[in-house]
Amino acid sequence: MARLSTSAPPQAEPTPPPNQTEQTAIPQPIEPGHRAQRLEEVYARALQYTLSKLSWQNFAECYPTVCRRAEHVMKQVHEQTVSRLGNKCNAEFDKIVRERDVVAKLNELEGLIADAEARREAAGDAPPPQA
């Protein structure tokens, strides 16, 4: 847990003006390889399965009295809840993938595996048994 400080906050140093000759690199989007695509597919299926468990029937069982008295309103609340949860989950997943550079790392892993397989073939070794 962070401690609260009673001292004055440190003064930020002024940032120097940007150098006109300095080029700012715009990151190019990385094409997801096989493993990155598979991760996205598995995530999408898991989210879809999870959201499917939030059916109207399950929702109505949690709030039986309100759902009987104002079914139309509660159906809208249900739809909005499921939609918002899906959007929040997607935003969080995208944020994690971006911040941790998952696509680049999975692509790098694919390259390392391909390199190891090529070296194994060049050395004449048999591939390991599939589990």
Protein backbone atom coordinates (compact mmCIF):
# COMPACT_ATOMS: atom_id res chain seq x y z
CA MET A 1 0.00 0.00 0.00
CA ALA A 2 1.39 3.43 -0.86
CA ARG A 3 2.12 5.84 1.94
CA LEU A 4 0.78 9.34 1.81
CA SER A 5 3.39 12.03 1.86
CA THR A 6 2.86 15.32 3.63
CA SER A 7 5.73 17.00 1.85
CA ALA A 8 5.21 19.17 -1.20
CA PRO A 9 5.17 17.31 -4.51
CA PRO A 10 8.43 17.45 -6.45
CA GLN A 11 8.56 20.10 -9.13
CA ALA A 12 8.56 18.71 -12.64
CA GLU A 13 11.53 19.68 -14.71
CA PRO A 14 10.63 21.57 -17.87
CA THR A 15 10.84 19.41 -20.93
CA PRO A 16 13.14 20.62 -23.68
CA PRO A 17 11.46 21.65 -26.93
CA PRO A 18 11.31 18.84 -29.49
CA ASN A 19 14.20 18.69 -31.91
CA GLN A 20 13.07 19.55 -35.42
CA THR A 21 15.42 17.00 -36.96
CA GLU A 22 14.35 14.23 -34.61
CA GLN A 23 11.99 11.81 -36.30
CA THR A 24 9.24 10.34 -34.19
CA ALA A 25 8.69 6.75 -35.12
CA ILE A 26 5.09 5.74 -35.56
CA PRO A 27 4.74 2.12 -34.55
CA GLN A 28 3.51 -0.02 -37.39
CA PRO A 29 0.78 -2.52 -36.60
CA ILE A 30 2.14 -6.02 -36.26
CA GLU A 31 0.47 -8.82 -38.20
CA PRO A 32 -0.59 -11.46 -35.69
CA GLY A 33 0.95 -14.85 -36.32
CA HIS A 34 -0.68 -18.22 -35.78
CA ARG A 35 -0.36 -18.18 -31.98
CA ALA A 36 -1.60 -14.61 -31.63
CA GLN A 37 -4.60 -15.38 -33.84
CA ARG A 38 -5.33 -18.47 -31.79
CA LEU A 39 -5.14 -16.49 -28.55
CA GLU A 40 -7.68 -14.01 -29.92
CA GLU A 41 -9.98 -16.85 -31.05
CA VAL A 42 -9.82 -18.60 -27.68
CA TYR A 43 -10.45 -15.32 -25.86
CA ALA A 44 -13.45 -14.50 -28.08
CA ARG A 45 -14.96 -17.96 -27.51
CA ALA A 46 -14.40 -17.77 -23.76
CA LEU A 47 -16.02 -14.34 -23.56
CA GLN A 48 -18.94 -15.45 -25.72
CA TYR A 49 -19.46 -18.50 -23.49
CA THR A 50 -19.28 -16.39 -20.34
CA LEU A 51 -21.74 -13.82 -21.66
CA SER A 52 -24.11 -16.59 -22.76
CA LYS A 53 -24.38 -17.60 -19.10
CA LEU A 54 -25.90 -14.18 -18.42
CA SER A 55 -29.15 -15.17 -20.10
CA TRP A 56 -32.41 -13.36 -19.48
CA GLN A 57 -33.65 -16.40 -17.52
CA ASN A 58 -30.64 -16.33 -15.18
CA PHE A 59 -30.89 -12.56 -14.83
CA ALA A 60 -34.63 -12.71 -14.05
CA GLU A 61 -34.03 -15.35 -11.39
CA CYS A 62 -31.74 -12.90 -9.57
CA TYR A 63 -34.40 -10.16 -9.52
CA PRO A 64 -37.75 -12.00 -9.63
CA THR A 65 -39.97 -9.32 -8.11
CA VAL A 66 -38.63 -6.45 -10.18
CA CYS A 67 -38.70 -8.55 -13.36
CA ARG A 68 -42.35 -9.46 -12.81
CA ARG A 69 -43.34 -5.84 -12.23
CA ALA A 70 -41.21 -4.18 -14.90
CA GLU A 71 -40.14 -6.89 -17.33
CA HIS A 72 -39.64 -4.55 -20.29
CA VAL A 73 -37.35 -2.24 -18.31
CA MET A 74 -35.41 -5.13 -16.82
CA LYS A 75 -34.89 -6.67 -20.26
CA GLN A 76 -33.30 -3.40 -21.35
CA VAL A 77 -31.17 -3.38 -18.20
CA HIS A 78 -30.12 -6.97 -18.95
CA GLU A 79 -29.18 -6.16 -22.55
CA GLN A 80 -27.22 -3.09 -21.48
CA THR A 81 -25.45 -5.01 -18.72
CA VAL A 82 -24.37 -7.83 -21.03
CA SER A 83 -23.30 -5.38 -23.74
CA ARG A 84 -21.34 -3.19 -21.33
CA LEU A 85 -19.63 -6.19 -19.74
CA GLY A 86 -18.61 -7.48 -23.17
CA ASN A 87 -17.26 -4.07 -24.18
CA LYS A 88 -15.36 -3.67 -20.91
CA CYS A 89 -13.82 -7.14 -21.23
CA ASN A 90 -12.76 -6.48 -24.82
CA ALA A 91 -11.23 -3.12 -23.91
CA GLU A 92 -9.32 -4.65 -21.00
CA PHE A 93 -8.07 -7.58 -23.11
CA ASP A 94 -6.93 -5.19 -25.86
CA LYS A 95 -5.18 -3.01 -23.28
CA ILE A 96 -3.31 -5.98 -21.80
CA VAL A 97 -2.31 -7.27 -25.26
CA ARG A 98 -1.06 -3.81 -26.23
CA GLU A 99 0.74 -2.95 -22.97
CA ARG A 100 2.50 -6.30 -22.74
CA ASP A 101 3.30 -6.46 -26.45
CA VAL A 102 1.74 -9.91 -26.65
CA VAL A 103 1.48 -10.13 -30.45
CA ALA A 104 5.15 -9.30 -30.97
CA LYS A 105 6.22 -11.76 -28.28
CA LEU A 106 4.07 -14.56 -29.68
CA ASN A 107 5.42 -13.83 -33.16
CA GLU A 108 8.94 -13.95 -31.74
CA LEU A 109 8.14 -17.31 -30.14
CA GLU A 110 6.96 -18.63 -33.50
CA GLY A 111 10.25 -17.49 -35.04
CA LEU A 112 12.27 -19.20 -32.32
CA ILE A 113 10.34 -22.44 -32.78
CA ALA A 114 10.76 -22.31 -36.56
CA ASP A 115 14.49 -21.67 -36.12
CA ALA A 116 14.84 -24.58 -33.71
CA GLU A 117 12.97 -26.89 -36.09
CA ALA A 118 15.19 -25.80 -38.98
CA ARG A 119 18.34 -26.45 -36.93
CA ARG A 120 17.00 -29.85 -35.85
CA GLU A 121 16.34 -30.81 -39.47
CA ALA A 122 19.76 -29.55 -40.54
CA ALA A 123 21.36 -31.67 -37.81
CA GLY A 124 19.33 -34.71 -38.85
CA ASP A 125 17.64 -35.12 -35.47
CA ALA A 126 14.19 -36.63 -35.26
CA PRO A 127 11.45 -34.35 -34.01
CA PRO A 128 10.29 -34.93 -30.43
CA PRO A 129 7.18 -37.12 -30.03
CA GLN A 130 3.89 -35.24 -29.98
CA ALA A 131 2.17 -35.28 -26.60
